[in-house]
Protein backbone atom coordinates (compact mmCIF):
# COMPACT_ATOMS: atom_id res chain seq x y z
CA MET A 1 -0.01 -0.01 -0.03
CA ASP A 2 1.47 3.43 -0.96
CA LEU A 3 1.65 6.39 1.43
CA LYS A 4 -1.46 8.15 0.14
CA LYS A 5 -3.57 5.03 0.55
CA LEU A 6 -2.19 4.53 4.06
CA LYS A 7 -3.06 8.11 5.01
CA ASP A 8 -6.59 7.77 3.59
CA GLN A 9 -7.04 4.58 5.49
CA LEU A 10 -5.72 6.17 8.66
CA GLN A 11 -8.17 9.13 8.24
CA THR A 12 -11.03 6.67 7.78
CA GLU A 13 -10.14 4.84 11.02
CA VAL A 14 -9.89 8.17 12.93
CA ASP A 15 -13.23 9.36 11.53
CA THR A 16 -14.92 6.02 12.34
CA ALA A 17 -13.64 6.09 15.91
CA PHE A 18 -14.82 9.69 16.27
CA LEU A 19 -18.36 8.85 15.05
CA TYR A 20 -18.64 5.83 17.30
CA ASP A 21 -17.60 7.95 20.33
CA SER A 22 -19.92 10.81 19.37
CA ILE A 23 -22.96 8.59 18.98
CA ALA A 24 -22.14 6.76 22.19
CA ALA A 25 -22.18 10.08 24.05
CA ILE A 26 -25.87 10.64 23.33
CA GLN A 27 -27.07 7.19 24.38
CA SER A 28 -29.32 6.88 27.44
CA ASP A 29 -28.83 3.10 27.38
CA ASP A 30 -25.61 2.28 29.16
CA ASN A 31 -25.18 -1.07 27.40
CA LEU A 32 -25.36 0.51 23.90
CA SER A 33 -23.02 3.27 24.98
CA ARG A 34 -20.49 0.71 26.20
CA VAL A 35 -20.75 -1.28 22.93
CA LEU A 36 -20.28 1.83 20.78
CA LEU A 37 -17.35 2.99 22.90
CA SER A 38 -15.82 -0.51 22.63
CA LEU A 39 -16.07 -0.30 18.86
CA GLY A 40 -14.52 3.14 18.94
CA GLU A 41 -11.63 1.87 21.01
CA ILE A 42 -11.05 -0.97 18.52
CA GLU A 43 -11.04 1.58 15.67
CA LYS A 44 -8.55 3.65 17.61
CA GLY A 45 -6.33 0.63 17.86
CA HIS A 46 -6.62 0.19 14.06
CA ALA A 47 -5.76 3.82 13.63
CA LYS A 48 -2.67 3.46 15.76
CA HIS A 49 -1.61 0.47 13.71
CA MET A 50 -2.07 2.42 10.45
CA PHE A 51 -0.24 5.43 11.98
CA ASP A 52 2.78 3.30 12.72
CA LYS A 53 2.85 2.17 9.13
CA VAL A 54 2.71 5.78 7.91
CA LEU A 55 5.54 6.73 10.28
CA THR A 56 7.84 4.12 8.62
CA LEU A 57 7.42 6.11 5.37
CA GLU A 58 7.06 9.64 6.76
CA PRO A 59 8.61 9.91 10.27
CA ASN A 60 7.38 13.44 11.01
CA TYR A 61 3.78 12.75 10.15
CA LYS A 62 1.27 13.69 12.93
CA MET A 63 -1.86 11.72 13.89
CA PRO A 64 -4.73 13.44 12.04
CA SER A 65 -7.80 14.84 13.77
CA PRO A 66 -11.35 13.92 12.76
CA SER A 67 -12.00 15.33 9.28
CA GLY A 68 -14.32 18.18 8.49
CA ARG A 69 -16.47 15.68 6.59
CA ALA A 70 -16.95 13.54 9.75
CA LYS A 71 -17.79 16.64 11.88
CA PHE A 72 -20.20 17.92 9.21
CA GLN A 73 -21.82 14.48 9.09
CA LEU A 74 -22.29 14.54 12.83
CA LYS A 75 -23.91 18.00 12.70
CA LEU A 76 -26.34 16.84 10.04
CA GLY A 77 -27.11 13.86 12.21
CA LYS A 78 -28.11 16.17 15.08
CA ILE A 79 -30.57 17.94 12.72
CA PHE A 80 -31.94 15.17 10.59
CA GLY A 81 -31.26 12.04 12.69
CA TYR A 82 -28.35 9.70 13.01
CA SER A 83 -29.59 6.80 10.86
CA SER A 84 -27.42 7.93 7.91
CA ILE A 85 -24.33 7.82 10.13
CA ILE A 86 -25.12 4.32 11.38
CA SER A 87 -25.68 3.24 7.78
CA ASN A 88 -22.45 4.77 6.69
CA LEU A 89 -20.58 3.04 9.58
CA SER A 90 -22.10 -0.21 8.52
CA SER A 91 -20.88 0.27 4.94
CA ILE A 92 -17.40 1.17 6.27
CA GLU A 93 -17.32 -1.99 8.42
CA LYS A 94 -18.43 -4.01 5.47
CA GLN A 95 -15.69 -2.58 3.29
CA PHE A 96 -13.11 -3.18 6.05
CA ALA A 97 -14.18 -6.81 6.19
CA VAL A 98 -14.00 -7.24 2.37
CA ASN A 99 -10.60 -5.59 2.21
CA SER A 100 -9.29 -7.69 5.13
CA ILE A 101 -10.33 -10.91 3.42
CA LYS A 102 -8.84 -9.80 0.06
CA ASN A 103 -5.53 -8.84 1.64
CA LYS A 104 -5.35 -12.09 3.49
CA LEU A 105 -6.09 -14.15 0.36
CA LYS A 106 -3.61 -12.10 -1.65
CA SER A 107 -0.84 -12.73 0.85
CA GLY A 108 -1.69 -16.42 1.15
CA GLU A 109 -3.09 -16.09 4.72
CA LYS A 110 -6.25 -17.94 5.54
CA PRO A 111 -9.29 -15.85 6.57
CA THR A 112 -10.11 -16.24 10.28
CA GLY A 113 -13.81 -15.95 10.13
CA PHE A 114 -13.70 -12.89 12.44
CA GLU A 115 -13.63 -10.34 9.59
CA HIS A 116 -17.39 -9.61 9.57
CA ASN A 117 -17.84 -9.49 13.36
CA HIS A 118 -17.82 -5.66 13.59
CA LEU A 119 -20.42 -5.49 10.77
CA ASN A 120 -22.63 -7.91 12.71
CA ILE A 121 -22.23 -5.86 15.86
CA ILE A 122 -23.11 -2.49 14.30
CA GLU A 123 -26.09 -4.13 12.62
CA ALA A 124 -27.29 -5.41 15.98
CA VAL A 125 -26.77 -1.96 17.47
CA ASN A 126 -28.86 -0.37 14.72
CA ASN A 127 -31.65 -2.92 15.17
CA ASN A 128 -31.85 -2.23 18.91
CA ALA A 129 -34.93 -0.25 19.73
CA ALA A 130 -33.13 1.58 22.55
CA LEU A 131 -30.68 3.21 20.15
CA ASN A 132 -31.20 7.00 20.08
CA VAL A 133 -31.10 7.11 16.29
CA SER A 134 -34.05 8.33 14.23
CA GLY A 135 -35.01 6.94 10.89
CA GLY A 136 -35.51 3.43 9.53
CA LEU A 137 -33.50 0.26 10.09
CA LEU A 138 -30.78 -0.97 7.85
CA SER A 139 -31.94 -3.22 5.10
CA LYS A 140 -31.32 -6.95 5.78
CA PHE A 141 -28.21 -8.30 4.15
CA GLU A 142 -28.47 -10.71 1.20
CA SER A 143 -26.63 -13.33 3.21
CA ARG A 144 -29.44 -13.48 5.83
CA HIS A 145 -31.17 -16.83 6.10
CA LYS A 146 -34.21 -17.58 3.98
CA SER A 147 -36.36 -20.51 5.08
CA VAL A 148 -37.09 -23.56 2.88
CA GLY A 149 -40.76 -22.49 2.66
CA GLY A 150 -39.71 -19.02 1.64
CA ASN A 151 -37.46 -20.29 -1.12
CA ALA A 152 -40.19 -22.65 -2.42
CA LEU A 153 -42.87 -19.91 -2.35
CA ARG A 154 -40.61 -17.42 -4.07
CA ALA A 155 -39.54 -19.99 -6.66
CA ALA A 156 -43.19 -20.98 -7.26
CA VAL A 157 -44.50 -17.48 -7.79
CA LEU A 158 -41.61 -16.35 -9.99
CA GLY A 159 -41.48 -19.61 -11.83
CA SER A 160 -45.20 -19.56 -12.76
CA ASN A 161 -44.99 -15.93 -13.75
CA ASP A 162 -41.91 -16.41 -15.94
CA GLY A 163 -43.51 -19.46 -17.58
CA LEU A 164 -46.75 -17.74 -18.39
CA VAL A 165 -45.34 -14.44 -19.59
CA SER A 166 -42.46 -15.91 -21.61
CA ASN A 167 -44.53 -18.58 -23.27
CA MET A 168 -47.47 -16.25 -23.89
CA SER A 169 -45.10 -13.80 -25.58
CA LEU A 170 -43.50 -16.62 -27.56
CA VAL A 171 -46.86 -18.13 -28.64
CA MET A 172 -48.33 -14.72 -29.57
CA GLY A 173 -45.25 -13.84 -31.54
CA VAL A 174 -45.48 -17.08 -33.53
CA ALA A 175 -49.25 -16.80 -33.94
CA GLY A 176 -48.83 -13.24 -35.20
CA ALA A 177 -46.78 -14.56 -38.08
CA ALA A 178 -49.86 -16.59 -39.13
CA VAL A 179 -48.14 -19.99 -38.99
CA SER A 180 -49.92 -23.31 -38.55
CA ASN A 181 -51.16 -24.67 -35.22
CA ASP A 182 -48.59 -27.49 -35.34
CA THR A 183 -45.81 -24.93 -35.55
CA ILE A 184 -47.24 -22.90 -32.68
CA LEU A 185 -47.58 -26.08 -30.52
CA LEU A 186 -44.06 -27.22 -31.33
CA THR A 187 -42.61 -23.80 -30.56
CA GLY A 188 -44.62 -23.51 -27.32
CA ILE A 189 -43.65 -26.93 -26.04
CA ALA A 190 -40.00 -26.26 -26.81
CA GLY A 191 -40.25 -22.95 -24.99
CA LEU A 192 -41.95 -24.64 -21.96
CA LEU A 193 -39.25 -27.31 -21.66
CA ALA A 194 -36.31 -25.02 -22.25
CA GLY A 195 -37.58 -22.45 -19.80
CA ALA A 196 -38.54 -24.90 -17.10
CA ILE A 197 -35.15 -26.63 -17.19
CA SER A 198 -33.36 -23.30 -17.14
CA MET A 199 -35.36 -22.03 -14.20
CA ALA A 200 -34.87 -25.23 -12.26
CA LEU A 201 -31.12 -25.22 -12.84
CA GLY A 202 -30.82 -21.60 -11.92
CA GLU A 203 -32.69 -22.09 -8.64
CA TRP A 204 -30.71 -25.17 -7.79
CA LEU A 205 -27.42 -23.41 -8.36
CA SER A 206 -28.52 -20.32 -6.41
CA VAL A 207 -29.69 -22.17 -3.31
CA GLN A 208 -26.93 -24.79 -3.45
CA SER A 209 -24.23 -22.05 -3.70
CA SER A 210 -25.83 -20.32 -0.67
CA ARG A 211 -25.77 -23.56 1.30
CA GLU A 212 -22.12 -24.20 0.42
CA LEU A 213 -21.18 -20.64 1.37
CA ASN A 214 -22.93 -20.98 4.73
CA GLN A 215 -21.28 -24.35 5.36
CA ARG A 216 -17.89 -22.78 4.57
CA GLN A 217 -18.57 -19.99 7.09
CA ILE A 218 -19.54 -22.55 9.69
CA ASP A 219 -16.37 -24.54 9.06
CA LEU A 220 -14.21 -21.40 9.43
CA GLU A 221 -15.94 -20.45 12.69
CA THR A 222 -15.50 -23.94 14.03
CA GLU A 223 -11.74 -23.84 13.26
CA GLU A 224 -11.39 -20.42 14.82
CA LEU A 225 -13.31 -21.42 17.89
CA GLU A 226 -10.78 -24.21 18.41
CA ALA A 227 -7.86 -21.85 17.82
CA SER A 228 -9.09 -18.74 19.69
CA PRO A 229 -12.02 -19.49 21.99
CA GLU A 230 -11.58 -16.48 24.21
CA GLU A 231 -11.58 -14.01 21.34
CA GLU A 232 -14.79 -15.61 19.96
CA LYS A 233 -16.38 -15.40 23.39
CA LYS A 234 -15.54 -11.65 23.66
CA GLU A 235 -17.16 -10.99 20.33
CA LEU A 236 -20.25 -12.95 21.40
CA VAL A 237 -20.51 -10.95 24.60
CA LEU A 238 -20.32 -7.73 22.59
CA LEU A 239 -23.02 -8.92 20.24
CA TYR A 240 -25.33 -9.79 23.14
CA GLN A 241 -24.81 -6.35 24.61
CA ALA A 242 -25.49 -4.72 21.28
CA LYS A 243 -28.85 -6.51 21.23
CA GLY A 244 -29.83 -4.94 24.54
CA MET A 245 -28.36 -7.11 27.33
CA ASN A 246 -26.39 -5.60 30.16
CA ALA A 247 -22.76 -6.62 30.51
CA VAL A 248 -23.38 -9.11 33.32
CA GLU A 249 -26.23 -10.87 31.51
CA ALA A 250 -24.23 -10.94 28.24
CA GLN A 251 -21.22 -12.45 29.94
CA LYS A 252 -23.40 -15.09 31.72
CA LEU A 253 -25.10 -16.08 28.51
CA ALA A 254 -21.77 -16.33 26.63
CA ASP A 255 -20.27 -18.37 29.52
CA LYS A 256 -23.28 -20.70 29.36
CA ALA A 257 -22.90 -21.05 25.59
CA PHE A 258 -19.18 -21.87 25.92
CA GLU A 259 -19.68 -24.58 28.49
CA ASN A 260 -19.00 -27.13 25.65
CA PRO A 261 -17.79 -26.83 22.09
CA GLN A 262 -21.17 -27.77 20.49
CA THR A 263 -23.25 -25.14 22.22
CA ALA A 264 -20.50 -22.60 21.60
CA ILE A 265 -20.40 -23.13 17.85
CA ASP A 266 -24.23 -23.19 17.76
CA ALA A 267 -24.34 -19.77 19.50
CA ILE A 268 -21.65 -18.33 17.14
CA ILE A 269 -23.47 -19.63 14.06
CA THR A 270 -26.73 -18.16 15.17
CA GLU A 271 -25.57 -14.80 16.54
CA GLU A 272 -22.60 -13.91 14.36
CA LEU A 273 -23.52 -15.58 11.03
CA GLY A 274 -27.30 -15.47 11.26
CA ILE A 275 -27.50 -19.01 9.86
CA ASP A 276 -29.88 -21.77 10.79
CA LYS A 277 -27.56 -24.71 10.86
CA GLU A 278 -30.36 -27.19 10.19
CA GLU A 279 -31.43 -25.42 6.99
CA LEU A 280 -28.30 -23.65 5.68
CA GLY A 281 -30.37 -21.45 3.37
CA GLY A 282 -33.03 -23.92 2.18
CA SER A 283 -33.38 -27.02 0.04
CA ALA A 284 -31.86 -26.65 -3.44
CA TRP A 285 -33.90 -29.56 -4.80
CA GLU A 286 -37.16 -28.23 -3.36
CA ALA A 287 -36.58 -24.88 -4.97
CA ALA A 288 -35.55 -26.46 -8.26
CA ILE A 289 -38.56 -28.80 -8.47
CA ALA A 290 -40.97 -26.01 -7.53
CA SER A 291 -39.44 -23.82 -10.22
CA PHE A 292 -39.73 -26.54 -12.90
CA VAL A 293 -43.32 -27.54 -12.07
CA LEU A 294 -44.64 -24.01 -11.70
CA PHE A 295 -42.87 -22.72 -14.82
CA ALA A 296 -44.41 -25.54 -16.78
CA ILE A 297 -47.89 -24.87 -15.32
CA GLY A 298 -47.58 -21.21 -16.18
CA ALA A 299 -46.27 -21.97 -19.68
CA ILE A 300 -49.12 -24.39 -20.54
CA ILE A 301 -51.83 -21.75 -19.91
CA PRO A 302 -51.33 -19.75 -23.12
CA LEU A 303 -50.52 -22.92 -25.12
CA TYR A 304 -53.34 -25.37 -24.37
CA PRO A 305 -56.03 -23.61 -26.54
CA PHE A 306 -53.96 -24.42 -29.70
CA MET A 307 -54.34 -28.09 -28.90
CA PHE A 308 -58.03 -28.14 -29.90
CA LEU A 309 -58.73 -24.80 -31.55
CA ASP A 310 -57.09 -22.75 -34.32
CA GLY A 311 -56.96 -19.27 -35.70
CA LYS A 312 -58.52 -16.37 -33.83
CA ASN A 313 -60.57 -18.58 -31.53
CA ALA A 314 -57.40 -20.18 -30.20
CA ILE A 315 -55.69 -16.79 -29.83
CA LEU A 316 -58.68 -15.28 -27.95
CA LEU A 317 -58.94 -18.25 -25.55
CA SER A 318 -55.15 -18.16 -25.05
CA VAL A 319 -55.28 -14.44 -24.22
CA GLY A 320 -58.31 -14.86 -21.94
CA SER A 321 -56.72 -17.81 -20.06
CA SER A 322 -53.49 -15.90 -19.72
CA VAL A 323 -55.32 -12.86 -18.27
CA VAL A 324 -56.90 -15.10 -15.58
CA GLY A 325 -53.50 -16.69 -14.91
CA LEU A 326 -51.71 -13.39 -14.68
CA PHE A 327 -54.30 -12.02 -12.28
CA GLY A 328 -53.95 -15.14 -10.11
CA ILE A 329 -50.18 -14.76 -10.06
CA GLY A 330 -50.48 -11.12 -9.13
CA ALA A 331 -52.76 -12.06 -6.32
CA ALA A 332 -50.31 -14.72 -5.16
CA ILE A 333 -47.49 -12.12 -5.16
CA THR A 334 -49.35 -10.30 -2.42
CA LEU A 335 -48.31 -13.13 -0.09
CA LEU A 336 -44.78 -11.83 -0.42
CA THR A 337 -45.39 -8.05 -0.74
CA GLY A 338 -48.53 -7.42 1.25
CA LYS A 339 -49.90 -5.19 -1.55
CA SER A 340 -53.58 -5.01 -2.58
CA ILE A 341 -54.80 -8.06 -4.50
CA LEU A 342 -56.53 -5.89 -7.15
CA PHE A 343 -53.48 -3.67 -7.59
CA SER A 344 -51.05 -6.59 -7.92
CA GLY A 345 -53.43 -8.63 -10.12
CA PHE A 346 -54.18 -5.85 -12.63
CA ARG A 347 -50.56 -4.75 -12.67
CA GLN A 348 -49.50 -8.25 -13.61
CA VAL A 349 -52.15 -8.42 -16.32
CA SER A 350 -51.05 -5.14 -17.80
CA PHE A 351 -47.39 -6.14 -18.01
CA GLY A 352 -48.25 -9.55 -19.52
CA LEU A 353 -50.62 -8.14 -22.18
CA LEU A 354 -48.11 -5.46 -23.13
CA ALA A 355 -45.40 -8.06 -23.67
CA ALA A 356 -47.77 -10.24 -25.67
CA ALA A 357 -48.93 -7.31 -27.80
CA VAL A 358 -45.34 -6.35 -28.65
CA THR A 359 -44.36 -9.89 -29.70
CA TYR A 360 -47.60 -10.34 -31.66
CA GLY A 361 -46.94 -7.12 -33.52
CA ILE A 362 -43.35 -8.13 -34.30
CA GLY A 363 -44.53 -11.57 -35.39
CA SER A 364 -47.15 -10.03 -37.69
CA LEU A 365 -44.52 -7.80 -39.33
CA ILE A 366 -42.15 -10.73 -39.82
CA GLY A 367 -44.94 -12.84 -41.23
CA VAL A 368 -45.98 -10.17 -43.72
CA SER A 369 -42.33 -9.68 -44.65
CA LEU A 370 -41.77 -13.41 -45.23
CA ALA A 371 -45.04 -13.75 -47.21
CA GLY A 372 -44.00 -10.81 -49.42
């Protein structure tokens, strides 16, 4: 790292410590104040470490004061609320963790599993109702656990929607070109199978990758628990305090968890990683099968009329059936979003019909062009 980067990193550490200390000073909850002050002290230690590196390259360099940007940010927080500062600190901690892991991998050093602990702590602080910070909570991180049922429901709704919309658009595009029913059926069946297989494979890879990542994190934490149990316990105590416990209760709970290796790793996995060890992010096969079946069901809706009708009658029944299907999918989406059934249903119908109209128009133009 060159001198400028070292100085920039040092300033970031100084500013971060300053903000932690400043927000701690306004807390009425002693536990939260102690947690924030502890984080501030850790950042001061990091600043001292960076300062020593700078001194090796520039011996007369002085430890910087908090920047004008950090002070201005604090003033804005006093007027508009401190949620933006907490969010910014969370982003900084996340970047620290990413950089730490990158540097270790680059130097051939194995990540310890501790790199994201400060991020977990500041997230817990922000989610604590006692925190004197106005504004909304931080968004949940993508790595947070999703249940098997949640994965299956999400895959089912998205799979059926993709199947219906994509095959409706495909069928309408081919129908617009005025080709025979056999051609429409062959094209629609091919689209159904290709899309269903692609959706299933995508869901399987997504969920399985998440499971493997979670298992890797668990393995790292298990190894580090064996190597540095006291350091892990300290981090667990700090996390408990960040969630609202006083120091004595947090220490007792951590001591209880560390009575044997199994309960210790279970507590670490739950509190630090936010992972349900029994699920590890959901069943890959359940999500894949749900995606395949629901995509196929969605895709068959605009296709089945062409099995026993032809021409405009088949097109009208296909569109009508698709409208009913799209409204049903829109209504099902409200299970995930909490929106109005009518709003979600008609929104889904509008998008689906627009896509079908575009492809039908393009198909008609191509058909006329080929006929000419």
